[in-house]
Amino acid sequence: MVLLPPRASAPRSKNPVLRVGQRVFVSAERGAVLTDDAGHDTPHRLADGAEVEIVAWRPRGATGTRYRIHSRPDGLEGWLQAGELRAAAIETPAPEPTVPPSPPAGRKFGQRR
């Protein structure tokens, strides 16, 4: 019997997993440039926060997943990197960690008056 070493798993991406038909928002401070099927820039740019619909996706290995999007107001279609999209209308900051209240001075924790 031959034992093989465990396979190293690929690092997880921090980008959201989006589905076809989902409405999402552009997440790029200076806007995002749409690319064509070959990955070349087009003259079209979408502003940060623009709502778009996912119409297709393409895994790209180490270069990351690309999503084909459709912008309804202006009819633009093209490809964006996963990192240029977000699921929420605005990014919500991470919640502040909560600190439990300290016991009143002069008493030990758990002691009654």
PDB file of N, CA and C in Angstrom:
ATOM      1  N   MET A   1       0.845  -1.176   0.000  1.00  0.00           N
ATOM      2  CA  MET A   1       0.000   0.000   0.000  1.00  0.00           C
ATOM      3  C   MET A   1       0.889   1.237   0.000  1.00  0.00           C
ATOM      4  N   VAL A   2       0.594   2.170  -0.885  1.00  0.00           N
ATOM      5  CA  VAL A   2       1.380   3.397  -1.010  1.00  0.00           C
ATOM      6  C   VAL A   2       0.548   4.553  -0.481  1.00  0.00           C
ATOM      7  N   LEU A   3       1.106   5.293   0.434  1.00  0.00           N
ATOM      8  CA  LEU A   3       0.424   6.472   0.971  1.00  0.00           C
ATOM      9  C   LEU A   3       0.924   7.708   0.243  1.00  0.00           C
ATOM     10  N   LEU A   4       0.014   8.485  -0.242  1.00  0.00           N
ATOM     11  CA  LEU A   4       0.365   9.721  -0.935  1.00  0.00           C
ATOM     12  C   LEU A   4       0.200  10.891   0.011  1.00  0.00           C
ATOM     13  N   PRO A   5       1.056  11.909  -0.125  1.00  0.00           N
ATOM     14  CA  PRO A   5       0.889  13.093   0.732  1.00  0.00           C
ATOM     15  C   PRO A   5      -0.401  13.816   0.367  1.00  0.00           C
ATOM     16  N   PRO A   6      -1.007  14.494   1.326  1.00  0.00           N
ATOM     17  CA  PRO A   6      -2.250  15.224   1.028  1.00  0.00           C
ATOM     18  C   PRO A   6      -1.977  16.327   0.017  1.00  0.00           C
ATOM     19  N   ARG A   7      -2.958  16.552  -0.843  1.00  0.00           N
ATOM     20  CA  ARG A   7      -2.839  17.615  -1.844  1.00  0.00           C
ATOM     21  C   ARG A   7      -3.077  18.961  -1.193  1.00  0.00           C
ATOM     22  N   ALA A   8      -2.270  19.911  -1.591  1.00  0.00           N
ATOM     23  CA  ALA A   8      -2.464  21.276  -1.088  1.00  0.00           C
ATOM     24  C   ALA A   8      -3.660  21.872  -1.810  1.00  0.00           C
ATOM     25  N   SER A   9      -4.542  22.489  -1.069  1.00  0.00           N
ATOM     26  CA  SER A   9      -5.698  23.112  -1.701  1.00  0.00           C
ATOM     27  C   SER A   9      -5.327  24.516  -2.163  1.00  0.00           C
ATOM     28  N   ALA A  10      -5.998  24.946  -3.203  1.00  0.00           N
ATOM     29  CA  ALA A  10      -5.758  26.284  -3.736  1.00  0.00           C
ATOM     30  C   ALA A  10      -6.275  27.316  -2.743  1.00  0.00           C
ATOM     31  N   PRO A  11      -5.600  28.457  -2.624  1.00  0.00           N
ATOM     32  CA  PRO A  11      -6.092  29.483  -1.706  1.00  0.00           C
ATOM     33  C   PRO A  11      -7.453  30.001  -2.165  1.00  0.00           C
ATOM     34  N   ARG A  12      -8.316  30.257  -1.214  1.00  0.00           N
ATOM     35  CA  ARG A  12      -9.647  30.758  -1.534  1.00  0.00           C
ATOM     36  C   ARG A  12      -9.586  32.231  -1.922  1.00  0.00           C
ATOM     37  N   SER A  13     -10.392  32.570  -2.907  1.00  0.00           N
ATOM     38  CA  SER A  13     -10.471  33.954  -3.359  1.00  0.00           C
ATOM     39  C   SER A  13     -11.356  34.744  -2.395  1.00  0.00           C
ATOM     40  N   LYS A  14     -11.062  36.015  -2.246  1.00  0.00           N
ATOM     41  CA  LYS A  14     -11.892  36.876  -1.402  1.00  0.00           C
ATOM     42  C   LYS A  14     -13.029  37.486  -2.204  1.00  0.00           C
ATOM     43  N   ASN A  15     -13.066  37.229  -3.516  1.00  0.00           N
ATOM     44  CA  ASN A  15     -14.117  37.771  -4.361  1.00  0.00           C
ATOM     45  C   ASN A  15     -15.405  36.983  -4.159  1.00  0.00           C
ATOM     46  N   PRO A  16     -16.549  37.663  -4.296  1.00  0.00           N
ATOM     47  CA  PRO A  16     -17.818  36.966  -4.111  1.00  0.00           C
ATOM     48  C   PRO A  16     -18.080  35.983  -5.257  1.00  0.00           C
ATOM     49  N   VAL A  17     -18.843  34.946  -4.982  1.00  0.00           N
ATOM     50  CA  VAL A  17     -19.299  34.022  -6.014  1.00  0.00           C
ATOM     51  C   VAL A  17     -20.655  34.534  -6.464  1.00  0.00           C
ATOM     52  N   LEU A  18     -20.768  34.819  -7.755  1.00  0.00           N
ATOM     53  CA  LEU A  18     -21.993  35.401  -8.296  1.00  0.00           C
ATOM     54  C   LEU A  18     -22.641  34.407  -9.242  1.00  0.00           C
ATOM     55  N   ARG A  19     -23.950  34.532  -9.443  1.00  0.00           N
ATOM     56  CA  ARG A  19     -24.654  33.592 -10.311  1.00  0.00           C
ATOM     57  C   ARG A  19     -25.259  34.325 -11.513  1.00  0.00           C
ATOM     58  N   VAL A  20     -25.455  33.593 -12.583  1.00  0.00           N
ATOM     59  CA  VAL A  20     -26.078  34.142 -13.781  1.00  0.00           C
ATOM     60  C   VAL A  20     -27.490  34.598 -13.422  1.00  0.00           C
ATOM     61  N   GLY A  21     -27.864  35.788 -13.860  1.00  0.00           N
ATOM     62  CA  GLY A  21     -29.173  36.365 -13.564  1.00  0.00           C
ATOM     63  C   GLY A  21     -29.174  37.264 -12.340  1.00  0.00           C
ATOM     64  N   GLN A  22     -28.110  37.212 -11.548  1.00  0.00           N
ATOM     65  CA  GLN A  22     -28.031  38.027 -10.329  1.00  0.00           C
ATOM     66  C   GLN A  22     -27.727  39.481 -10.689  1.00  0.00           C
ATOM     67  N   ARG A  23     -28.374  40.393  -9.992  1.00  0.00           N
ATOM     68  CA  ARG A  23     -28.060  41.823 -10.142  1.00  0.00           C
ATOM     69  C   ARG A  23     -27.002  42.174  -9.112  1.00  0.00           C
ATOM     70  N   VAL A  24     -25.931  42.799  -9.579  1.00  0.00           N
ATOM     71  CA  VAL A  24     -24.809  43.160  -8.721  1.00  0.00           C
ATOM     72  C   VAL A  24     -24.392  44.586  -9.035  1.00  0.00           C
ATOM     73  N   PHE A  25     -23.349  45.061  -8.362  1.00  0.00           N
ATOM     74  CA  PHE A  25     -22.925  46.445  -8.492  1.00  0.00           C
ATOM     75  C   PHE A  25     -21.437  46.523  -8.800  1.00  0.00           C
ATOM     76  N   VAL A  26     -21.084  47.505  -9.623  1.00  0.00           N
ATOM     77  CA  VAL A  26     -19.675  47.727  -9.952  1.00  0.00           C
ATOM     78  C   VAL A  26     -18.974  48.224  -8.699  1.00  0.00           C
ATOM     79  N   SER A  27     -17.794  47.692  -8.450  1.00  0.00           N
ATOM     80  CA  SER A  27     -17.021  48.053  -7.263  1.00  0.00           C
ATOM     81  C   SER A  27     -15.631  48.493  -7.687  1.00  0.00           C
ATOM     82  N   ALA A  28     -15.538  49.727  -8.157  1.00  0.00           N
ATOM     83  CA  ALA A  28     -14.254  50.265  -8.603  1.00  0.00           C
ATOM     84  C   ALA A  28     -14.287  51.776  -8.414  1.00  0.00           C
ATOM     85  N   GLU A  29     -13.396  52.302  -7.588  1.00  0.00           N
ATOM     86  CA  GLU A  29     -13.397  53.737  -7.271  1.00  0.00           C
ATOM     87  C   GLU A  29     -13.426  54.626  -8.501  1.00  0.00           C
ATOM     88  N   ARG A  30     -12.620  54.288  -9.489  1.00  0.00           N
ATOM     89  CA  ARG A  30     -12.524  55.117 -10.699  1.00  0.00           C
ATOM     90  C   ARG A  30     -13.349  54.551 -11.847  1.00  0.00           C
ATOM     91  N   GLY A  31     -14.239  53.631 -11.532  1.00  0.00           N
ATOM     92  CA  GLY A  31     -15.032  52.988 -12.565  1.00  0.00           C
ATOM     93  C   GLY A  31     -14.321  51.761 -13.092  1.00  0.00           C
ATOM     94  N   ALA A  32     -15.025  50.962 -13.863  1.00  0.00           N
ATOM     95  CA  ALA A  32     -14.468  49.726 -14.406  1.00  0.00           C
ATOM     96  C   ALA A  32     -14.600  49.747 -15.919  1.00  0.00           C
ATOM     97  N   VAL A  33     -13.516  49.398 -16.592  1.00  0.00           N
ATOM     98  CA  VAL A  33     -13.506  49.342 -18.056  1.00  0.00           C
ATOM     99  C   VAL A  33     -13.984  47.956 -18.486  1.00  0.00           C
ATOM    100  N   LEU A  34     -14.984  47.925 -19.354  1.00  0.00           N
ATOM    101  CA  LEU A  34     -15.468  46.659 -19.884  1.00  0.00           C
ATOM    102  C   LEU A  34     -14.448  46.104 -20.867  1.00  0.00           C
ATOM    103  N   THR A  35     -14.311  44.775 -20.903  1.00  0.00           N
ATOM    104  CA  THR A  35     -13.428  44.139 -21.872  1.00  0.00           C
ATOM    105  C   THR A  35     -14.258  43.292 -22.828  1.00  0.00           C
ATOM    106  N   ASP A  36     -13.674  42.970 -23.989  1.00  0.00           N
ATOM    107  CA  ASP A  36     -14.363  42.124 -24.961  1.00  0.00           C
ATOM    108  C   ASP A  36     -14.095  40.654 -24.653  1.00  0.00           C
ATOM    109  N   ASP A  37     -14.560  39.758 -25.515  1.00  0.00           N
ATOM    110  CA  ASP A  37     -14.402  38.319 -25.285  1.00  0.00           C
ATOM    111  C   ASP A  37     -12.938  37.893 -25.181  1.00  0.00           C
ATOM    112  N   ALA A  38     -12.049  38.587 -25.871  1.00  0.00           N
ATOM    113  CA  ALA A  38     -10.625  38.245 -25.855  1.00  0.00           C
ATOM    114  C   ALA A  38      -9.890  38.873 -24.674  1.00  0.00           C
ATOM    115  N   GLY A  39     -10.582  39.711 -23.881  1.00  0.00           N
ATOM    116  CA  GLY A  39      -9.959  40.348 -22.724  1.00  0.00           C
ATOM    117  C   GLY A  39      -9.352  41.704 -23.014  1.00  0.00           C
ATOM    118  N   HIS A  40      -9.599  42.257 -24.212  1.00  0.00           N
ATOM    119  CA  HIS A  40      -9.090  43.584 -24.567  1.00  0.00           C
ATOM    120  C   HIS A  40     -10.050  44.671 -24.088  1.00  0.00           C
ATOM    121  N   ASP A  41      -9.480  45.783 -23.626  1.00  0.00           N
ATOM    122  CA  ASP A  41     -10.307  46.903 -23.160  1.00  0.00           C
ATOM    123  C   ASP A  41     -11.186  47.436 -24.278  1.00  0.00           C
ATOM    124  N   THR A  42     -12.413  47.810 -23.899  1.00  0.00           N
ATOM    125  CA  THR A  42     -13.319  48.497 -24.820  1.00  0.00           C
ATOM    126  C   THR A  42     -13.357  49.968 -24.404  1.00  0.00           C
ATOM    127  N   PRO A  43     -13.962  50.834 -25.186  1.00  0.00           N
ATOM    128  CA  PRO A  43     -14.042  52.246 -24.777  1.00  0.00           C
ATOM    129  C   PRO A  43     -15.102  52.514 -23.705  1.00  0.00           C
ATOM    130  N   HIS A  44     -15.795  51.478 -23.264  1.00  0.00           N
ATOM    131  CA  HIS A  44     -16.897  51.653 -22.313  1.00  0.00           C
ATOM    132  C   HIS A  44     -16.438  51.477 -20.875  1.00  0.00           C
ATOM    133  N   ARG A  45     -16.908  52.376 -20.019  1.00  0.00           N
ATOM    134  CA  ARG A  45     -16.568  52.357 -18.599  1.00  0.00           C
ATOM    135  C   ARG A  45     -17.863  52.505 -17.803  1.00  0.00           C
ATOM    136  N   LEU A  46     -17.956  51.733 -16.705  1.00  0.00           N
ATOM    137  CA  LEU A  46     -19.110  51.838 -15.802  1.00  0.00           C
ATOM    138  C   LEU A  46     -18.654  52.448 -14.489  1.00  0.00           C
ATOM    139  N   ALA A  47     -19.469  53.329 -13.949  1.00  0.00           N
ATOM    140  CA  ALA A  47     -19.147  54.025 -12.702  1.00  0.00           C
ATOM    141  C   ALA A  47     -19.290  53.101 -11.500  1.00  0.00           C
ATOM    142  N   ASP A  48     -18.550  53.412 -10.440  1.00  0.00           N
ATOM    143  CA  ASP A  48     -18.669  52.687  -9.183  1.00  0.00           C
ATOM    144  C   ASP A  48     -20.116  52.756  -8.717  1.00  0.00           C
ATOM    145  N   GLY A  49     -20.668  51.627  -8.332  1.00  0.00           N
ATOM    146  CA  GLY A  49     -22.053  51.574  -7.847  1.00  0.00           C
ATOM    147  C   GLY A  49     -23.087  51.313  -8.924  1.00  0.00           C
ATOM    148  N   ALA A  50     -22.682  51.280 -10.206  1.00  0.00           N
ATOM    149  CA  ALA A  50     -23.637  51.017 -11.287  1.00  0.00           C
ATOM    150  C   ALA A  50     -24.202  49.603 -11.129  1.00  0.00           C
ATOM    151  N   GLU A  51     -25.513  49.469 -11.282  1.00  0.00           N
ATOM    152  CA  GLU A  51     -26.149  48.160 -11.172  1.00  0.00           C
ATOM    153  C   GLU A  51     -26.087  47.449 -12.518  1.00  0.00           C
ATOM    154  N   VAL A  52     -25.668  46.180 -12.503  1.00  0.00           N
ATOM    155  CA  VAL A  52     -25.569  45.377 -13.719  1.00  0.00           C
ATOM    156  C   VAL A  52     -26.133  43.986 -13.447  1.00  0.00           C
ATOM    157  N   GLU A  53     -26.390  43.242 -14.510  1.00  0.00           N
ATOM    158  CA  GLU A  53     -26.880  41.872 -14.383  1.00  0.00           C
ATOM    159  C   GLU A  53     -25.826  40.916 -14.940  1.00  0.00           C
ATOM    160  N   ILE A  54     -25.565  39.825 -14.229  1.00  0.00           N
ATOM    161  CA  ILE A  54     -24.626  38.808 -14.683  1.00  0.00           C
ATOM    162  C   ILE A  54     -25.333  37.967 -15.755  1.00  0.00           C
ATOM    163  N   VAL A  55     -24.720  37.860 -16.947  1.00  0.00           N
ATOM    164  CA  VAL A  55     -25.318  37.046 -18.005  1.00  0.00           C
ATOM    165  C   VAL A  55     -24.473  35.808 -18.332  1.00  0.00           C
ATOM    166  N   ALA A  56     -23.225  35.772 -17.890  1.00  0.00           N
ATOM    167  CA  ALA A  56     -22.357  34.604 -18.091  1.00  0.00           C
ATOM    168  C   ALA A  56     -21.138  34.753 -17.198  1.00  0.00           C
ATOM    169  N   TRP A  57     -20.386  33.667 -17.050  1.00  0.00           N
ATOM    170  CA  TRP A  57     -19.143  33.739 -16.285  1.00  0.00           C
ATOM    171  C   TRP A  57     -18.123  32.831 -16.947  1.00  0.00           C
ATOM    172  N   ARG A  58     -16.865  33.103 -16.658  1.00  0.00           N
ATOM    173  CA  ARG A  58     -15.788  32.330 -17.248  1.00  0.00           C
ATOM    174  C   ARG A  58     -14.669  32.188 -16.226  1.00  0.00           C
ATOM    175  N   PRO A  59     -14.408  30.946 -15.777  1.00  0.00           N
ATOM    176  CA  PRO A  59     -13.287  30.771 -14.838  1.00  0.00           C
ATOM    177  C   PRO A  59     -11.975  31.035 -15.565  1.00  0.00           C
ATOM    178  N   ARG A  60     -11.027  31.660 -14.887  1.00  0.00           N
ATOM    179  CA  ARG A  60      -9.764  32.006 -15.543  1.00  0.00           C
ATOM    180  C   ARG A  60      -8.553  31.541 -14.749  1.00  0.00           C
ATOM    181  N   GLY A  61      -8.724  30.561 -13.868  1.00  0.00           N
ATOM    182  CA  GLY A  61      -7.594  30.026 -13.113  1.00  0.00           C
ATOM    183  C   GLY A  61      -6.942  31.090 -12.255  1.00  0.00           C
ATOM    184  N   ALA A  62      -5.637  31.231 -12.393  1.00  0.00           N
ATOM    185  CA  ALA A  62      -4.868  32.160 -11.558  1.00  0.00           C
ATOM    186  C   ALA A  62      -5.231  33.621 -11.805  1.00  0.00           C
ATOM    187  N   THR A  63      -5.768  33.933 -12.979  1.00  0.00           N
ATOM    188  CA  THR A  63      -6.112  35.331 -13.271  1.00  0.00           C
ATOM    189  C   THR A  63      -7.485  35.713 -12.751  1.00  0.00           C
ATOM    190  N   GLY A  64      -8.236  34.773 -12.207  1.00  0.00           N
ATOM    191  CA  GLY A  64      -9.523  35.083 -11.589  1.00  0.00           C
ATOM    192  C   GLY A  64     -10.696  34.938 -12.538  1.00  0.00           C
ATOM    193  N   THR A  65     -11.860  34.781 -11.962  1.00  0.00           N
ATOM    194  CA  THR A  65     -13.100  34.616 -12.722  1.00  0.00           C
ATOM    195  C   THR A  65     -13.503  35.944 -13.356  1.00  0.00           C
ATOM    196  N   ARG A  66     -14.012  35.845 -14.583  1.00  0.00           N
ATOM    197  CA  ARG A  66     -14.575  37.023 -15.255  1.00  0.00           C
ATOM    198  C   ARG A  66     -16.073  36.801 -15.414  1.00  0.00           C
ATOM    199  N   TYR A  67     -16.822  37.899 -15.342  1.00  0.00           N
ATOM    200  CA  TYR A  67     -18.273  37.838 -15.498  1.00  0.00           C
ATOM    201  C   TYR A  67     -18.695  38.716 -16.668  1.00  0.00           C
ATOM    202  N   ARG A  68     -19.554  38.172 -17.526  1.00  0.00           N
ATOM    203  CA  ARG A  68     -20.142  38.977 -18.599  1.00  0.00           C
ATOM    204  C   ARG A  68     -21.350  39.672 -17.991  1.00  0.00           C
ATOM    205  N   ILE A  69     -21.396  40.972 -18.141  1.00  0.00           N
ATOM    206  CA  ILE A  69     -22.470  41.744 -17.519  1.00  0.00           C
ATOM    207  C   ILE A  69     -23.270  42.487 -18.590  1.00  0.00           C
ATOM    208  N   HIS A  70     -24.477  42.857 -18.199  1.00  0.00           N
ATOM    209  CA  HIS A  70     -25.363  43.681 -19.034  1.00  0.00           C
ATOM    210  C   HIS A  70     -25.837  44.832 -18.169  1.00  0.00           C
ATOM    211  N   SER A  71     -25.633  46.047 -18.668  1.00  0.00           N
ATOM    212  CA  SER A  71     -26.094  47.246 -17.967  1.00  0.00           C
ATOM    213  C   SER A  71     -27.385  47.692 -18.619  1.00  0.00           C
ATOM    214  N   ARG A  72     -28.489  47.598 -17.889  1.00  0.00           N
ATOM    215  CA  ARG A  72     -29.805  47.895 -18.474  1.00  0.00           C
ATOM    216  C   ARG A  72     -30.001  49.349 -18.922  1.00  0.00           C
ATOM    217  N   PRO A  73     -29.619  50.338 -18.138  1.00  0.00           N
ATOM    218  CA  PRO A  73     -29.942  51.705 -18.567  1.00  0.00           C
ATOM    219  C   PRO A  73     -29.344  52.070 -19.926  1.00  0.00           C
ATOM    220  N   ASP A  74     -28.121  51.623 -20.198  1.00  0.00           N
ATOM    221  CA  ASP A  74     -27.478  52.023 -21.449  1.00  0.00           C
ATOM    222  C   ASP A  74     -27.247  50.866 -22.414  1.00  0.00           C
ATOM    223  N   GLY A  75     -27.623  49.646 -22.038  1.00  0.00           N
ATOM    224  CA  GLY A  75     -27.510  48.499 -22.925  1.00  0.00           C
ATOM    225  C   GLY A  75     -26.102  47.980 -23.150  1.00  0.00           C
ATOM    226  N   LEU A  76     -25.135  48.430 -22.355  1.00  0.00           N
ATOM    227  CA  LEU A  76     -23.760  47.981 -22.523  1.00  0.00           C
ATOM    228  C   LEU A  76     -23.604  46.535 -22.073  1.00  0.00           C
ATOM    229  N   GLU A  77     -22.764  45.786 -22.784  1.00  0.00           N
ATOM    230  CA  GLU A  77     -22.389  44.428 -22.385  1.00  0.00           C
ATOM    231  C   GLU A  77     -20.894  44.292 -22.516  1.00  0.00           C
ATOM    232  N   GLY A  78     -20.306  43.516 -21.626  1.00  0.00           N
ATOM    233  CA  GLY A  78     -18.881  43.261 -21.667  1.00  0.00           C
ATOM    234  C   GLY A  78     -18.485  42.431 -20.467  1.00  0.00           C
ATOM    235  N   TRP A  79     -17.178  42.254 -20.289  1.00  0.00           N
ATOM    236  CA  TRP A  79     -16.648  41.414 -19.214  1.00  0.00           C
ATOM    237  C   TRP A  79     -15.973  42.261 -18.152  1.00  0.00           C
ATOM    238  N   LEU A  80     -16.150  41.857 -16.893  1.00  0.00           N
ATOM    239  CA  LEU A  80     -15.472  42.474 -15.752  1.00  0.00           C
ATOM    240  C   LEU A  80     -14.862  41.376 -14.892  1.00  0.00           C
ATOM    241  N   GLN A  81     -13.764  41.693 -14.229  1.00  0.00           N
ATOM    242  CA  GLN A  81     -13.150  40.767 -13.278  1.00  0.00           C
ATOM    243  C   GLN A  81     -14.054  40.658 -12.047  1.00  0.00           C
ATOM    244  N   ALA A  82     -13.997  39.530 -11.364  1.00  0.00           N
ATOM    245  CA  ALA A  82     -14.809  39.317 -10.167  1.00  0.00           C
ATOM    246  C   ALA A  82     -14.550  40.389  -9.115  1.00  0.00           C
ATOM    247  N   GLY A  83     -13.307  40.854  -8.986  1.00  0.00           N
ATOM    248  CA  GLY A  83     -12.965  41.871  -8.003  1.00  0.00           C
ATOM    249  C   GLY A  83     -13.553  43.235  -8.298  1.00  0.00           C
ATOM    250  N   GLU A  84     -14.108  43.418  -9.494  1.00  0.00           N
ATOM    251  CA  GLU A  84     -14.722  44.694  -9.864  1.00  0.00           C
ATOM    252  C   GLU A  84     -16.224  44.697  -9.631  1.00  0.00           C
ATOM    253  N   LEU A  85     -16.729  43.653  -8.966  1.00  0.00           N
ATOM    254  CA  LEU A  85     -18.162  43.532  -8.692  1.00  0.00           C
ATOM    255  C   LEU A  85     -18.394  43.242  -7.223  1.00  0.00           C
ATOM    256  N   ARG A  86     -19.542  43.667  -6.726  1.00  0.00           N
ATOM    257  CA  ARG A  86     -19.936  43.358  -5.351  1.00  0.00           C
ATOM    258  C   ARG A  86     -21.432  43.064  -5.343  1.00  0.00           C
ATOM    259  N   ALA A  87     -21.859  42.259  -4.392  1.00  0.00           N
ATOM    260  CA  ALA A  87     -23.251  41.841  -4.331  1.00  0.00           C
ATOM    261  C   ALA A  87     -24.162  42.900  -3.710  1.00  0.00           C
ATOM    262  N   ALA A  88     -23.630  43.740  -2.813  1.00  0.00           N
ATOM    263  CA  ALA A  88     -24.444  44.752  -2.119  1.00  0.00           C
ATOM    264  C   ALA A  88     -24.303  46.108  -2.807  1.00  0.00           C
ATOM    265  N   ALA A  89     -25.330  46.937  -2.662  1.00  0.00           N
ATOM    266  CA  ALA A  89     -25.304  48.269  -3.272  1.00  0.00           C
ATOM    267  C   ALA A  89     -24.149  49.107  -2.726  1.00  0.00           C
ATOM    268  N   ILE A  90     -23.896  48.988  -1.438  1.00  0.00           N
ATOM    269  CA  ILE A  90     -22.750  49.674  -0.839  1.00  0.00           C
ATOM    270  C   ILE A  90     -21.984  48.654  -0.018  1.00  0.00           C
ATOM    271  N   GLU A  91     -20.683  48.859   0.073  1.00  0.00           N
ATOM    272  CA  GLU A  91     -19.887  47.950   0.882  1.00  0.00           C
ATOM    273  C   GLU A  91     -20.102  48.305   2.340  1.00  0.00           C
ATOM    274  N   THR A  92     -20.371  47.297   3.132  1.00  0.00           N
ATOM    275  CA  THR A  92     -20.583  47.525   4.552  1.00  0.00           C
ATOM    276  C   THR A  92     -19.290  47.214   5.298  1.00  0.00           C
ATOM    277  N   PRO A  93     -18.886  48.100   6.192  1.00  0.00           N
ATOM    278  CA  PRO A  93     -17.664  47.839   6.939  1.00  0.00           C
ATOM    279  C   PRO A  93     -17.840  46.654   7.880  1.00  0.00           C
ATOM    280  N   ALA A  94     -16.743  46.035   8.217  1.00  0.00           N
ATOM    281  CA  ALA A  94     -16.787  44.911   9.163  1.00  0.00           C
ATOM    282  C   ALA A  94     -17.305  45.423  10.495  1.00  0.00           C
ATOM    283  N   PRO A  95     -18.135  44.638  11.178  1.00  0.00           N
ATOM    284  CA  PRO A  95     -18.662  45.098  12.463  1.00  0.00           C
ATOM    285  C   PRO A  95     -17.535  45.248  13.488  1.00  0.00           C
ATOM    286  N   GLU A  96     -17.694  46.229  14.347  1.00  0.00           N
ATOM    287  CA  GLU A  96     -16.721  46.457  15.425  1.00  0.00           C
ATOM    288  C   GLU A  96     -16.831  45.315  16.428  1.00  0.00           C
ATOM    289  N   PRO A  97     -15.702  44.811  16.906  1.00  0.00           N
ATOM    290  CA  PRO A  97     -15.798  43.748  17.912  1.00  0.00           C
ATOM    291  C   PRO A  97     -16.434  44.289  19.188  1.00  0.00           C
ATOM    292  N   THR A  98     -17.269  43.485  19.809  1.00  0.00           N
ATOM    293  CA  THR A  98     -17.923  43.920  21.045  1.00  0.00           C
ATOM    294  C   THR A  98     -17.067  43.510  22.231  1.00  0.00           C
ATOM    295  N   VAL A  99     -16.988  44.406  23.187  1.00  0.00           N
ATOM    296  CA  VAL A  99     -16.218  44.153  24.404  1.00  0.00           C
ATOM    297  C   VAL A  99     -17.214  44.007  25.539  1.00  0.00           C
ATOM    298  N   PRO A 100     -17.143  42.900  26.293  1.00  0.00           N
ATOM    299  CA  PRO A 100     -18.096  42.744  27.395  1.00  0.00           C
ATOM    300  C   PRO A 100     -17.861  43.827  28.447  1.00  0.00           C
ATOM    301  N   PRO A 101     -18.938  44.274  29.103  1.00  0.00           N
ATOM    302  CA  PRO A 101     -18.768  45.314  30.127  1.00  0.00           C
ATOM    303  C   PRO A 101     -17.937  44.801  31.291  1.00  0.00           C
ATOM    304  N   SER A 102     -17.144  45.687  31.861  1.00  0.00           N
ATOM    305  CA  SER A 102     -16.334  45.283  33.015  1.00  0.00           C
ATOM    306  C   SER A 102     -17.180  45.379  34.280  1.00  0.00           C
ATOM    307  N   PRO A 103     -16.879  44.538  35.286  1.00  0.00           N
ATOM    308  CA  PRO A 103     -17.684  44.573  36.515  1.00  0.00           C
ATOM    309  C   PRO A 103     -17.457  45.894  37.252  1.00  0.00           C
ATOM    310  N   PRO A 104     -18.440  46.314  38.059  1.00  0.00           N
ATOM    311  CA  PRO A 104     -18.287  47.560  38.809  1.00  0.00           C
ATOM    312  C   PRO A 104     -17.057  47.495  39.723  1.00  0.00           C
ATOM    313  N   ALA A 105     -16.440  48.636  39.946  1.00  0.00           N
ATOM    314  CA  ALA A 105     -15.243  48.704  40.792  1.00  0.00           C
ATOM    315  C   ALA A 105     -15.589  48.302  42.227  1.00  0.00           C
ATOM    316  N   GLY A 106     -14.658  47.659  42.901  1.00  0.00           N
ATOM    317  CA  GLY A 106     -14.841  47.293  44.290  1.00  0.00           C
ATOM    318  C   GLY A 106     -15.451  45.918  44.500  1.00  0.00           C
ATOM    319  N   ARG A 107     -15.919  45.268  43.427  1.00  0.00           N
ATOM    320  CA  ARG A 107     -16.481  43.921  43.570  1.00  0.00           C
ATOM    321  C   ARG A 107     -15.738  42.983  42.638  1.00  0.00           C
ATOM    322  N   LYS A 108     -15.666  41.744  43.041  1.00  0.00           N
ATOM    323  CA  LYS A 108     -15.069  40.731  42.184  1.00  0.00           C
ATOM    324  C   LYS A 108     -16.132  40.233  41.216  1.00  0.00           C
ATOM    325  N   PHE A 109     -15.705  39.812  40.073  1.00  0.00           N
ATOM    326  CA  PHE A 109     -16.615  39.302  39.048  1.00  0.00           C
ATOM    327  C   PHE A 109     -17.436  38.130  39.611  1.00  0.00           C
ATOM    328  N   GLY A 110     -18.732  38.180  39.421  1.00  0.00           N
ATOM    329  CA  GLY A 110     -19.619  37.103  39.863  1.00  0.00           C
ATOM    330  C   GLY A 110     -20.069  37.241  41.312  1.00  0.00           C
ATOM    331  N   GLN A 111     -19.595  38.236  42.007  1.00  0.00           N
ATOM    332  CA  GLN A 111     -19.938  38.406  43.429  1.00  0.00           C
ATOM    333  C   GLN A 111     -21.183  39.296  43.535  1.00  0.00           C
ATOM    334  N   ARG A 112     -22.104  38.923  44.413  1.00  0.00           N
ATOM    335  CA  ARG A 112     -23.307  39.739  44.596  1.00  0.00           C
ATOM    336  C   ARG A 112     -23.080  40.708  45.739  1.00  0.00           C
ATOM    337  N   ARG A 113     -23.896  41.699  45.749  1.00  0.00           N
ATOM    338  CA  ARG A 113     -23.830  42.713  46.806  1.00  0.00           C
ATOM    339  C   ARG A 113     -24.446  42.273  48.056  1.00  0.00           C
TER     340      ARG A 113
END
